[in-house]
Amino acid sequence: MADNFDQRLLHVLICPVSAGPLDYDEENQELISDKAGLAYPIRNGIPIMLPSEARKLAQK
Protein backbone atom coordinates (compact mmCIF):
# COMPACT_ATOMS: atom_id res chain seq x y z
CA MET A 1 0.00 0.00 0.00
CA ALA A 2 1.26 3.48 -0.82
CA ASP A 3 0.07 4.89 2.50
CA ASN A 4 2.91 5.13 4.98
CA PHE A 5 1.35 6.23 8.24
CA ASP A 6 3.96 6.79 10.95
CA GLN A 7 2.52 4.95 13.95
CA ARG A 8 4.62 7.07 16.32
CA LEU A 9 1.99 9.77 15.76
CA LEU A 10 -0.46 7.74 17.85
CA HIS A 11 1.42 8.96 20.94
CA VAL A 12 0.56 12.60 20.20
CA LEU A 13 -2.73 12.48 18.28
CA ILE A 14 -6.09 12.49 20.04
CA CYS A 15 -9.64 12.50 18.76
CA PRO A 16 -10.77 16.11 18.22
CA VAL A 17 -14.33 15.20 19.27
CA SER A 18 -13.78 13.12 22.41
CA ALA A 19 -10.16 14.03 23.27
CA GLY A 20 -9.66 10.28 23.66
CA PRO A 21 -7.00 7.95 22.27
CA LEU A 22 -6.96 6.61 18.72
CA ASP A 23 -6.26 3.14 17.36
CA TYR A 24 -4.70 2.49 13.98
CA ASP A 25 -6.65 0.31 11.53
CA GLU A 26 -3.97 -0.62 9.00
CA GLU A 27 -6.31 -2.56 6.69
CA ASN A 28 -8.72 0.36 6.23
CA GLN A 29 -6.12 3.11 6.67
CA GLU A 30 -8.11 4.83 9.42
CA LEU A 31 -7.62 6.10 12.94
CA ILE A 32 -10.39 4.79 15.17
CA SER A 33 -11.92 6.66 18.10
CA ASP A 34 -14.00 4.13 20.00
CA LYS A 35 -15.11 6.81 22.47
CA ALA A 36 -16.54 9.07 19.72
CA GLY A 37 -17.56 6.22 17.41
CA LEU A 38 -15.63 7.73 14.50
CA ALA A 39 -13.01 6.58 12.01
CA TYR A 40 -10.70 9.26 10.62
CA PRO A 41 -9.24 8.50 7.18
CA ILE A 42 -5.54 8.42 6.43
CA ARG A 43 -4.69 9.70 2.95
CA ASN A 44 -1.18 9.46 1.56
CA GLY A 45 0.09 8.77 5.07
CA ILE A 46 -1.58 11.88 6.53
CA PRO A 47 -4.39 11.50 9.06
CA ILE A 48 -7.38 13.71 8.24
CA MET A 49 -8.52 14.74 11.71
CA LEU A 50 -11.61 16.68 10.68
CA PRO A 51 -14.90 15.47 12.20
CA SER A 52 -16.62 16.29 8.90
CA GLU A 53 -14.31 13.81 7.11
CA ALA A 54 -14.75 11.02 9.69
CA ARG A 55 -16.86 7.94 9.09
CA LYS A 56 -19.37 6.98 11.78
CA LEU A 57 -18.79 3.53 13.20
CA ALA A 58 -21.56 1.02 13.64
CA GLN A 59 -22.55 0.72 17.27
CA LYS A 60 -21.53 -2.52 18.96
PDB file of N, CA and C in Angstrom:
ATOM      1  N   MET A   1       0.836  -1.181   0.000  1.00  0.00           N
ATOM      2  CA  MET A   1       0.000   0.000   0.000  1.00  0.00           C
ATOM      3  C   MET A   1       0.883   1.248   0.000  1.00  0.00           C
ATOM      4  N   ALA A   2       0.471   2.261  -0.707  1.00  0.00           N
ATOM      5  CA  ALA A   2       1.256   3.480  -0.818  1.00  0.00           C
ATOM      6  C   ALA A   2       1.210   4.323   0.446  1.00  0.00           C
ATOM      7  N   ASP A   3       0.201   4.109   1.276  1.00  0.00           N
ATOM      8  CA  ASP A   3       0.073   4.892   2.497  1.00  0.00           C
ATOM      9  C   ASP A   3       1.124   4.446   3.505  1.00  0.00           C
ATOM     10  N   ASN A   4       1.870   5.417   4.005  1.00  0.00           N
ATOM     11  CA  ASN A   4       2.907   5.131   4.985  1.00  0.00           C
ATOM     12  C   ASN A   4       2.648   5.944   6.233  1.00  0.00           C
ATOM     13  N   PHE A   5       1.677   5.536   7.012  1.00  0.00           N
ATOM     14  CA  PHE A   5       1.353   6.230   8.244  1.00  0.00           C
ATOM     15  C   PHE A   5       2.406   5.916   9.292  1.00  0.00           C
ATOM     16  N   ASP A   6       2.956   6.948   9.900  1.00  0.00           N
ATOM     17  CA  ASP A   6       3.958   6.794  10.953  1.00  0.00           C
ATOM     18  C   ASP A   6       3.232   6.554  12.275  1.00  0.00           C
ATOM     19  N   GLN A   7       3.272   5.328  12.757  1.00  0.00           N
ATOM     20  CA  GLN A   7       2.523   4.951  13.949  1.00  0.00           C
ATOM     21  C   GLN A   7       3.002   5.669  15.210  1.00  0.00           C
ATOM     22  N   ARG A   8       4.159   6.282  15.165  1.00  0.00           N
ATOM     23  CA  ARG A   8       4.622   7.066  16.324  1.00  0.00           C
ATOM     24  C   ARG A   8       3.695   8.246  16.589  1.00  0.00           C
ATOM     25  N   LEU A   9       2.943   8.667  15.583  1.00  0.00           N
ATOM     26  CA  LEU A   9       1.994   9.772  15.760  1.00  0.00           C
ATOM     27  C   LEU A   9       0.874   9.425  16.732  1.00  0.00           C
ATOM     28  N   LEU A  10       0.603   8.143  16.924  1.00  0.00           N
ATOM     29  CA  LEU A  10      -0.458   7.737  17.850  1.00  0.00           C
ATOM     30  C   LEU A  10      -0.191   8.216  19.270  1.00  0.00           C
ATOM     31  N   HIS A  11       1.066   8.487  19.593  1.00  0.00           N
ATOM     32  CA  HIS A  11       1.417   8.960  20.935  1.00  0.00           C
ATOM     33  C   HIS A  11       1.053  10.422  21.144  1.00  0.00           C
ATOM     34  N   VAL A  12       0.857  11.171  20.067  1.00  0.00           N
ATOM     35  CA  VAL A  12       0.556  12.598  20.200  1.00  0.00           C
ATOM     36  C   VAL A  12      -0.824  12.987  19.675  1.00  0.00           C
ATOM     37  N   LEU A  13      -1.419  12.157  18.834  1.00  0.00           N
ATOM     38  CA  LEU A  13      -2.733  12.478  18.278  1.00  0.00           C
ATOM     39  C   LEU A  13      -3.850  12.038  19.220  1.00  0.00           C
ATOM     40  N   ILE A  14      -4.884  12.858  19.307  1.00  0.00           N
ATOM     41  CA  ILE A  14      -6.092  12.493  20.042  1.00  0.00           C
ATOM     42  C   ILE A  14      -7.294  12.819  19.166  1.00  0.00           C
ATOM     43  N   CYS A  15      -8.407  12.228  19.485  1.00  0.00           N
ATOM     44  CA  CYS A  15      -9.638  12.500  18.757  1.00  0.00           C
ATOM     45  C   CYS A  15     -10.072  13.938  19.037  1.00  0.00           C
ATOM     46  N   PRO A  16     -10.339  14.730  18.001  1.00  0.00           N
ATOM     47  CA  PRO A  16     -10.771  16.108  18.223  1.00  0.00           C
ATOM     48  C   PRO A  16     -12.182  16.231  18.793  1.00  0.00           C
ATOM     49  N   VAL A  17     -12.962  15.174  18.744  1.00  0.00           N
ATOM     50  CA  VAL A  17     -14.327  15.196  19.270  1.00  0.00           C
ATOM     51  C   VAL A  17     -14.352  14.785  20.740  1.00  0.00           C
ATOM     52  N   SER A  18     -13.705  13.657  21.052  1.00  0.00           N
ATOM     53  CA  SER A  18     -13.775  13.116  22.414  1.00  0.00           C
ATOM     54  C   SER A  18     -12.537  13.394  23.253  1.00  0.00           C
ATOM     55  N   ALA A  19     -11.464  13.840  22.621  1.00  0.00           N
ATOM     56  CA  ALA A  19     -10.161  14.031  23.270  1.00  0.00           C
ATOM     57  C   ALA A  19      -9.615  12.709  23.804  1.00  0.00           C
ATOM     58  N   GLY A  20     -10.115  11.606  23.257  1.00  0.00           N
ATOM     59  CA  GLY A  20      -9.663  10.281  23.664  1.00  0.00           C
ATOM     60  C   GLY A  20      -8.596   9.734  22.728  1.00  0.00           C
ATOM     61  N   PRO A  21      -8.049   8.573  23.076  1.00  0.00           N
ATOM     62  CA  PRO A  21      -6.999   7.949  22.265  1.00  0.00           C
ATOM     63  C   PRO A  21      -7.547   7.398  20.951  1.00  0.00           C
ATOM     64  N   LEU A  22      -6.622   7.150  20.033  1.00  0.00           N
ATOM     65  CA  LEU A  22      -6.958   6.612  18.723  1.00  0.00           C
ATOM     66  C   LEU A  22      -6.239   5.290  18.507  1.00  0.00           C
ATOM     67  N   ASP A  23      -6.868   4.401  17.758  1.00  0.00           N
ATOM     68  CA  ASP A  23      -6.257   3.137  17.363  1.00  0.00           C
ATOM     69  C   ASP A  23      -6.082   3.150  15.849  1.00  0.00           C
ATOM     70  N   TYR A  24      -5.009   2.532  15.393  1.00  0.00           N
ATOM     71  CA  TYR A  24      -4.697   2.488  13.978  1.00  0.00           C
ATOM     72  C   TYR A  24      -5.279   1.231  13.351  1.00  0.00           C
ATOM     73  N   ASP A  25      -6.094   1.413  12.319  1.00  0.00           N
ATOM     74  CA  ASP A  25      -6.645   0.306  11.532  1.00  0.00           C
ATOM     75  C   ASP A  25      -5.877   0.277  10.215  1.00  0.00           C
ATOM     76  N   GLU A  26      -4.854  -0.581  10.159  1.00  0.00           N
ATOM     77  CA  GLU A  26      -3.972  -0.625   8.997  1.00  0.00           C
ATOM     78  C   GLU A  26      -4.707  -1.054   7.732  1.00  0.00           C
ATOM     79  N   GLU A  27      -5.595  -2.032   7.858  1.00  0.00           N
ATOM     80  CA  GLU A  27      -6.308  -2.559   6.692  1.00  0.00           C
ATOM     81  C   GLU A  27      -7.143  -1.484   5.996  1.00  0.00           C
ATOM     82  N   ASN A  28      -7.853  -0.670   6.793  1.00  0.00           N
ATOM     83  CA  ASN A  28      -8.724   0.362   6.228  1.00  0.00           C
ATOM     84  C   ASN A  28      -8.076   1.739   6.165  1.00  0.00           C
ATOM     85  N   GLN A  29      -6.842   1.840   6.638  1.00  0.00           N
ATOM     86  CA  GLN A  29      -6.124   3.108   6.668  1.00  0.00           C
ATOM     87  C   GLN A  29      -6.969   4.194   7.346  1.00  0.00           C
ATOM     88  N   GLU A  30      -7.298   3.910   8.616  1.00  0.00           N
ATOM     89  CA  GLU A  30      -8.106   4.829   9.418  1.00  0.00           C
ATOM     90  C   GLU A  30      -7.568   4.868  10.841  1.00  0.00           C
ATOM     91  N   LEU A  31      -7.845   5.979  11.514  1.00  0.00           N
ATOM     92  CA  LEU A  31      -7.615   6.096  12.942  1.00  0.00           C
ATOM     93  C   LEU A  31      -8.975   6.006  13.613  1.00  0.00           C
ATOM     94  N   ILE A  32      -9.105   5.103  14.555  1.00  0.00           N
ATOM     95  CA  ILE A  32     -10.388   4.795  15.171  1.00  0.00           C
ATOM     96  C   ILE A  32     -10.487   5.426  16.555  1.00  0.00           C
ATOM     97  N   SER A  33     -11.584   6.142  16.772  1.00  0.00           N
ATOM     98  CA  SER A  33     -11.917   6.656  18.097  1.00  0.00           C
ATOM     99  C   SER A  33     -13.133   5.887  18.590  1.00  0.00           C
ATOM    100  N   ASP A  34     -12.887   4.908  19.454  1.00  0.00           N
ATOM    101  CA  ASP A  34     -14.003   4.128  20.003  1.00  0.00           C
ATOM    102  C   ASP A  34     -14.918   5.015  20.836  1.00  0.00           C
ATOM    103  N   LYS A  35     -14.336   5.937  21.576  1.00  0.00           N
ATOM    104  CA  LYS A  35     -15.106   6.806  22.466  1.00  0.00           C
ATOM    105  C   LYS A  35     -16.100   7.671  21.680  1.00  0.00           C
ATOM    106  N   ALA A  36     -15.674   8.218  20.546  1.00  0.00           N
ATOM    107  CA  ALA A  36     -16.544   9.066  19.724  1.00  0.00           C
ATOM    108  C   ALA A  36     -17.316   8.268  18.684  1.00  0.00           C
ATOM    109  N   GLY A  37     -16.909   7.025  18.439  1.00  0.00           N
ATOM    110  CA  GLY A  37     -17.564   6.218  17.411  1.00  0.00           C
ATOM    111  C   GLY A  37     -17.270   6.703  16.011  1.00  0.00           C
ATOM    112  N   LEU A  38     -16.024   7.176  15.802  1.00  0.00           N
ATOM    113  CA  LEU A  38     -15.633   7.729  14.504  1.00  0.00           C
ATOM    114  C   LEU A  38     -14.355   7.086  13.999  1.00  0.00           C
ATOM    115  N   ALA A  39     -14.217   7.052  12.673  1.00  0.00           N
ATOM    116  CA  ALA A  39     -13.007   6.578  12.010  1.00  0.00           C
ATOM    117  C   ALA A  39     -12.502   7.689  11.102  1.00  0.00           C
ATOM    118  N   TYR A  40     -11.310   8.179  11.408  1.00  0.00           N
ATOM    119  CA  TYR A  40     -10.703   9.258  10.625  1.00  0.00           C
ATOM    120  C   TYR A  40      -9.835   8.654   9.526  1.00  0.00           C
ATOM    121  N   PRO A  41     -10.011   9.086   8.274  1.00  0.00           N
ATOM    122  CA  PRO A  41      -9.239   8.503   7.178  1.00  0.00           C
ATOM    123  C   PRO A  41      -7.779   8.945   7.206  1.00  0.00           C
ATOM    124  N   ILE A  42      -6.942   8.086   6.642  1.00  0.00           N
ATOM    125  CA  ILE A  42      -5.537   8.424   6.425  1.00  0.00           C
ATOM    126  C   ILE A  42      -5.337   8.429   4.919  1.00  0.00           C
ATOM    127  N   ARG A  43      -4.893   9.562   4.406  1.00  0.00           N
ATOM    128  CA  ARG A  43      -4.693   9.700   2.953  1.00  0.00           C
ATOM    129  C   ARG A  43      -3.239  10.062   2.687  1.00  0.00           C
ATOM    130  N   ASN A  44      -2.590   9.254   1.877  1.00  0.00           N
ATOM    131  CA  ASN A  44      -1.176   9.463   1.557  1.00  0.00           C
ATOM    132  C   ASN A  44      -0.332   9.576   2.809  1.00  0.00           C
ATOM    133  N   GLY A  45      -0.664   8.785   3.831  1.00  0.00           N
ATOM    134  CA  GLY A  45       0.092   8.769   5.069  1.00  0.00           C
ATOM    135  C   GLY A  45      -0.250   9.881   6.041  1.00  0.00           C
ATOM    136  N   ILE A  46      -1.212  10.734   5.683  1.00  0.00           N
ATOM    137  CA  ILE A  46      -1.583  11.878   6.525  1.00  0.00           C
ATOM    138  C   ILE A  46      -2.970  11.654   7.112  1.00  0.00           C
ATOM    139  N   PRO A  47      -3.069  11.651   8.452  1.00  0.00           N
ATOM    140  CA  PRO A  47      -4.391  11.498   9.058  1.00  0.00           C
ATOM    141  C   PRO A  47      -5.226  12.763   8.874  1.00  0.00           C
ATOM    142  N   ILE A  48      -6.451  12.594   8.431  1.00  0.00           N
ATOM    143  CA  ILE A  48      -7.378  13.712   8.237  1.00  0.00           C
ATOM    144  C   ILE A  48      -8.246  13.784   9.487  1.00  0.00           C
ATOM    145  N   MET A  49      -7.901  14.689  10.388  1.00  0.00           N
ATOM    146  CA  MET A  49      -8.517  14.738  11.712  1.00  0.00           C
ATOM    147  C   MET A  49      -9.677  15.731  11.784  1.00  0.00           C
ATOM    148  N   LEU A  50     -10.444  15.810  10.730  1.00  0.00           N
ATOM    149  CA  LEU A  50     -11.611  16.678  10.684  1.00  0.00           C
ATOM    150  C   LEU A  50     -12.865  15.851  10.943  1.00  0.00           C
ATOM    151  N   PRO A  51     -13.678  16.225  11.934  1.00  0.00           N
ATOM    152  CA  PRO A  51     -14.900  15.472  12.196  1.00  0.00           C
ATOM    153  C   PRO A  51     -15.799  15.336  10.963  1.00  0.00           C
ATOM    154  N   SER A  52     -15.791  16.345  10.105  1.00  0.00           N
ATOM    155  CA  SER A  52     -16.624  16.291   8.900  1.00  0.00           C
ATOM    156  C   SER A  52     -16.134  15.244   7.894  1.00  0.00           C
ATOM    157  N   GLU A  53     -14.886  14.820   8.004  1.00  0.00           N
ATOM    158  CA  GLU A  53     -14.315  13.810   7.107  1.00  0.00           C
ATOM    159  C   GLU A  53     -14.398  12.406   7.709  1.00  0.00           C
ATOM    160  N   ALA A  54     -14.739  12.310   8.995  1.00  0.00           N
ATOM    161  CA  ALA A  54     -14.751  11.022   9.690  1.00  0.00           C
ATOM    162  C   ALA A  54     -15.982  10.200   9.307  1.00  0.00           C
ATOM    163  N   ARG A  55     -15.782   8.894   9.350  1.00  0.00           N
ATOM    164  CA  ARG A  55     -16.857   7.939   9.092  1.00  0.00           C
ATOM    165  C   ARG A  55     -17.411   7.492  10.441  1.00  0.00           C
ATOM    166  N   LYS A  56     -18.750   7.462  10.535  1.00  0.00           N
ATOM    167  CA  LYS A  56     -19.374   6.982  11.777  1.00  0.00           C
ATOM    168  C   LYS A  56     -19.275   5.481  11.827  1.00  0.00           C
ATOM    169  N   LEU A  57     -18.905   4.973  12.995  1.00  0.00           N
ATOM    170  CA  LEU A  57     -18.790   3.534  13.201  1.00  0.00           C
ATOM    171  C   LEU A  57     -20.131   2.952  13.612  1.00  0.00           C
ATOM    172  N   ALA A  58     -20.347   1.728  13.207  1.00  0.00           N
ATOM    173  CA  ALA A  58     -21.557   1.022  13.639  1.00  0.00           C
ATOM    174  C   ALA A  58     -21.457   0.764  15.126  1.00  0.00           C
ATOM    175  N   GLN A  59     -22.557   0.935  15.833  1.00  0.00           N
ATOM    176  CA  GLN A  59     -22.554   0.716  17.272  1.00  0.00           C
ATOM    177  C   GLN A  59     -22.477  -0.770  17.556  1.00  0.00           C
ATOM    178  N   LYS A  60     -21.737  -1.119  18.593  1.00  0.00           N
ATOM    179  CA  LYS A  60     -21.535  -2.523  18.963  1.00  0.00           C
ATOM    180  C   LYS A  60     -22.664  -3.026  19.814  1.00  0.00           C
TER     181      LYS A  60
END
